[in-house]
C-alpha atoms as a PDB file:
ATOM      1  CA  MET A   1      74.540  95.045 109.045  1.00  0.00           C
ATOM      2  CA  THR A   2      76.127  94.558 106.156  1.00  0.00           C
ATOM      3  CA  TYR A   3      79.746  94.509 105.262  1.00  0.00           C
ATOM      4  CA  ASP A   4      81.446  95.136 102.209  1.00  0.00           C
ATOM      5  CA  PHE A   5      85.100  93.547 102.907  1.00  0.00           C
ATOM      6  CA  ILE A   6      86.607  93.182 106.502  1.00  0.00           C
ATOM      7  CA  ALA A   7      89.387  95.034 108.353  1.00  0.00           C
ATOM      8  CA  GLY A   8      92.619  94.055 107.807  1.00  0.00           C
ATOM      9  CA  ASP A   9      92.070  91.448 104.876  1.00  0.00           C
ATOM     10  CA  THR A  10      94.390  90.864 101.956  1.00  0.00           C
ATOM     11  CA  GLY A  11      92.953  89.868  98.753  1.00  0.00           C
ATOM     12  CA  SER A  12      90.279  92.755  98.200  1.00  0.00           C
ATOM     13  CA  LYS A  13      90.002  93.904  94.905  1.00  0.00           C
ATOM     14  CA  LEU A  14      88.970  97.068  93.621  1.00  0.00           C
ATOM     15  CA  LYS A  15      87.807  96.796  90.058  1.00  0.00           C
ATOM     16  CA  ILE A  16      86.049  99.391  87.754  1.00  0.00           C
ATOM     17  CA  ALA A  17      84.919  99.210  84.337  1.00  0.00           C
ATOM     18  CA  MET A  18      85.567 102.132  82.018  1.00  0.00           C
ATOM     19  CA  ILE A  19      82.584 102.598  79.741  1.00  0.00           C
ATOM     20  CA  ASP A  20      81.919 105.052  76.909  1.00  0.00           C
ATOM     21  CA  LYS A  21      78.921 106.040  78.018  1.00  0.00           C
ATOM     22  CA  ALA A  22      78.056 107.395  74.523  1.00  0.00           C
ATOM     23  CA  THR A  23      77.994 104.008  73.292  1.00  0.00           C
ATOM     24  CA  GLY A  24      78.109 101.658  76.804  1.00  0.00           C
ATOM     25  CA  ARG A  25      80.631  99.965  76.079  1.00  0.00           C
ATOM     26  CA  ARG A  26      84.088  99.399  77.418  1.00  0.00           C
ATOM     27  CA  ILE A  27      86.880 102.072  76.567  1.00  0.00           C
ATOM     28  CA  VAL A  28      88.824  99.369  74.666  1.00  0.00           C
ATOM     29  CA  PRO A  29      92.132 100.002  73.912  1.00  0.00           C
ATOM     30  CA  PHE A  30      91.667 101.588  77.760  1.00  0.00           C
ATOM     31  CA  ASP A  31      95.748 100.936  78.778  1.00  0.00           C
ATOM     32  CA  THR A  32      97.341 102.654  76.320  1.00  0.00           C
ATOM     33  CA  ILE A  33      95.344 105.994  76.060  1.00  0.00           C
ATOM     34  CA  TYR A  34      94.198 106.010  79.567  1.00  0.00           C
ATOM     35  CA  ASN A  35      95.883 105.552  83.266  1.00  0.00           C
ATOM     36  CA  ALA A  36      93.356 105.188  86.796  1.00  0.00           C
ATOM     37  CA  ALA A  37      94.222 106.493  90.307  1.00  0.00           C
ATOM     38  CA  VAL A  38      92.171 105.774  92.865  1.00  0.00           C
ATOM     39  CA  TRP A  39      91.983 107.499  96.061  1.00  0.00           C
ATOM     40  CA  VAL A  40      92.093 105.438  99.147  1.00  0.00           C
ATOM     41  CA  LYS A  41      90.697 107.455 102.590  1.00  0.00           C
ATOM     42  CA  PRO A  42      90.597 104.719 105.529  1.00  0.00           C
ATOM     43  CA  GLU A  43      88.631 105.632 108.708  1.00  0.00           C
ATOM     44  CA  GLY A  44      90.636 107.807 110.536  1.00  0.00           C
ATOM     45  CA  LEU A  45      93.145 108.468 108.062  1.00  0.00           C
ATOM     46  CA  SER A  46      94.164 110.296 105.227  1.00  0.00           C
ATOM     47  CA  PRO A  47      93.757 110.296 101.465  1.00  0.00           C
ATOM     48  CA  VAL A  48      96.513 108.499  99.432  1.00  0.00           C
ATOM     49  CA  LYS A  49      96.976 108.049  95.717  1.00  0.00           C
ATOM     50  CA  ARG A  50      97.162 105.166  94.559  1.00  0.00           C
ATOM     51  CA  ASN A  51      97.977 103.568  90.958  1.00  0.00           C
ATOM     52  CA  MET A  52      95.012 101.253  89.084  1.00  0.00           C
ATOM     53  CA  THR A  53      96.173  97.944  87.340  1.00  0.00           C
ATOM     54  CA  ASN A  54      95.197  98.784  83.796  1.00  0.00           C
ATOM     55  CA  LEU A  55      93.428  95.505  82.245  1.00  0.00           C
ATOM     56  CA  THR A  56      94.371  94.092  78.758  1.00  0.00           C
ATOM     57  CA  SER A  57      93.371  91.910  76.792  1.00  0.00           C
ATOM     58  CA  ALA A  58      89.948  89.742  77.688  1.00  0.00           C
ATOM     59  CA  ASN A  59      89.603  92.030  80.652  1.00  0.00           C
ATOM     60  CA  ASP A  60      90.669  95.250  77.623  1.00  0.00           C
ATOM     61  CA  GLY A  61      88.895  98.522  79.437  1.00  0.00           C
ATOM     62  CA  TYR A  62      89.288  97.070  83.231  1.00  0.00           C
ATOM     63  CA  ALA A  63      91.090  98.502  85.976  1.00  0.00           C
ATOM     64  CA  GLU A  64      91.655  97.449  89.690  1.00  0.00           C
ATOM     65  CA  TYR A  65      93.204  97.790  92.739  1.00  0.00           C
ATOM     66  CA  LEU A  66      94.521  95.227  95.196  1.00  0.00           C
ATOM     67  CA  LEU A  67      94.060  97.169  98.581  1.00  0.00           C
ATOM     68  CA  LEU A  68      96.195  97.106 101.351  1.00  0.00           C
ATOM     69  CA  ALA A  69      95.462  95.771 104.407  1.00  0.00           C
ATOM     70  CA  SER A  70      96.596  98.595 106.326  1.00  0.00           C
ATOM     71  CA  GLU A  71      93.712 100.121 103.994  1.00  0.00           C
ATOM     72  CA  LEU A  72      91.298  98.382 105.363  1.00  0.00           C
ATOM     73  CA  VAL A  73      90.438  99.467 108.900  1.00  0.00           C
ATOM     74  CA  GLU A  74      87.190  98.981 110.609  1.00  0.00           C
ATOM     75  CA  GLY A  75      84.264 101.909 109.886  1.00  0.00           C
ATOM     76  CA  THR A  76      83.739 103.988 106.081  1.00  0.00           C
ATOM     77  CA  LEU A  77      86.331 103.066 103.574  1.00  0.00           C
ATOM     78  CA  GLN A  78      86.075 105.900 101.343  1.00  0.00           C
ATOM     79  CA  THR A  79      87.370 105.491  97.514  1.00  0.00           C
ATOM     80  CA  GLN A  80      86.832 107.750  94.458  1.00  0.00           C
ATOM     81  CA  VAL A  81      88.727 107.060  91.098  1.00  0.00           C
ATOM     82  CA  GLU A  82      90.376 109.178  88.286  1.00  0.00           C
ATOM     83  CA  ILE A  83      90.966 108.931  85.170  1.00  0.00           C
ATOM     84  CA  THR A  84      93.656 110.661  83.304  1.00  0.00           C
ATOM     85  CA  LYS A  85      95.353 110.840  79.384  1.00  0.00           C
ATOM     86  CA  VAL A  86      98.554 108.311  79.000  1.00  0.00           C
ATOM     87  CA  SER A  87     100.197 110.381  76.254  1.00  0.00           C
ATOM     88  CA  ASP A  88      99.855 114.214  78.347  1.00  0.00           C
ATOM     89  CA  GLY A  89      98.425 113.435  82.031  1.00  0.00           C
ATOM     90  CA  SER A  90      95.977 115.123  81.584  1.00  0.00           C
ATOM     91  CA  PHE A  91      92.658 115.053  83.683  1.00  0.00           C
ATOM     92  CA  VAL A  92      89.789 113.409  82.231  1.00  0.00           C
ATOM     93  CA  SER A  93      86.833 112.092  84.539  1.00  0.00           C
ATOM     94  CA  GLU A  94      86.387 111.685  88.104  1.00  0.00           C
ATOM     95  CA  LEU A  95      84.052 109.109  89.814  1.00  0.00           C
ATOM     96  CA  GLN A  96      81.805 110.278  92.230  1.00  0.00           C
ATOM     97  CA  VAL A  97      82.863 109.045  95.788  1.00  0.00           C
ATOM     98  CA  THR A  98      82.382 105.068  97.193  1.00  0.00           C
ATOM     99  CA  GLU A  99      81.680 104.455 100.270  1.00  0.00           C
ATOM    100  CA  TRP A 100      82.188 100.469 101.793  1.00  0.00           C
ATOM    101  CA  GLN A 101      81.647  98.839 105.341  1.00  0.00           C
ATOM    102  CA  VAL A 102      84.513  98.075 106.837  1.00  0.00           C
ATOM    103  CA  GLY A 103      83.815  95.403 108.917  1.00  0.00           C
ATOM    104  CA  PRO A 104      85.931  93.782 111.993  1.00  0.00           C
ATOM    105  CA  LYS A 105      87.831  91.245 111.531  1.00  0.00           C
ATOM    106  CA  LEU A 106      86.885  87.467 114.405  1.00  0.00           C
ATOM    107  CA  GLN A 107      89.280  86.928 116.073  1.00  0.00           C
END
C-alpha cells in the first residue's frame, strides 16, 4: 500500500494553488482578496476547521496548512478546503473532499 503521510509525523503540509478556472492562472493577489481554511478529519475523530496560511511574493496564489502530529492518525485522513472573501467573510468556493492514507509509524 502507498501512504501519503505517516502517523504522528511533524512537518507535513497541505499546499493548494488557487486557480481561476476561466484563465487557468493562479489567483493573484490571493492573500488580500481571499482566505483559505481546511477542514481536517482524522480517522475516528471529529472534523476541525483550521486556517491556512496565504503565501505571498513568489508563492502568491497558494495557501498551506502545517498538519499537527495529532491529526495524522493511522488510517484515512479527510480534508476539504474552503475559500472566503477577506472583505466580508462570504463563502466563495469549496473543494471536494480529499482522502489521504496515513501509514503506521515505524517503531
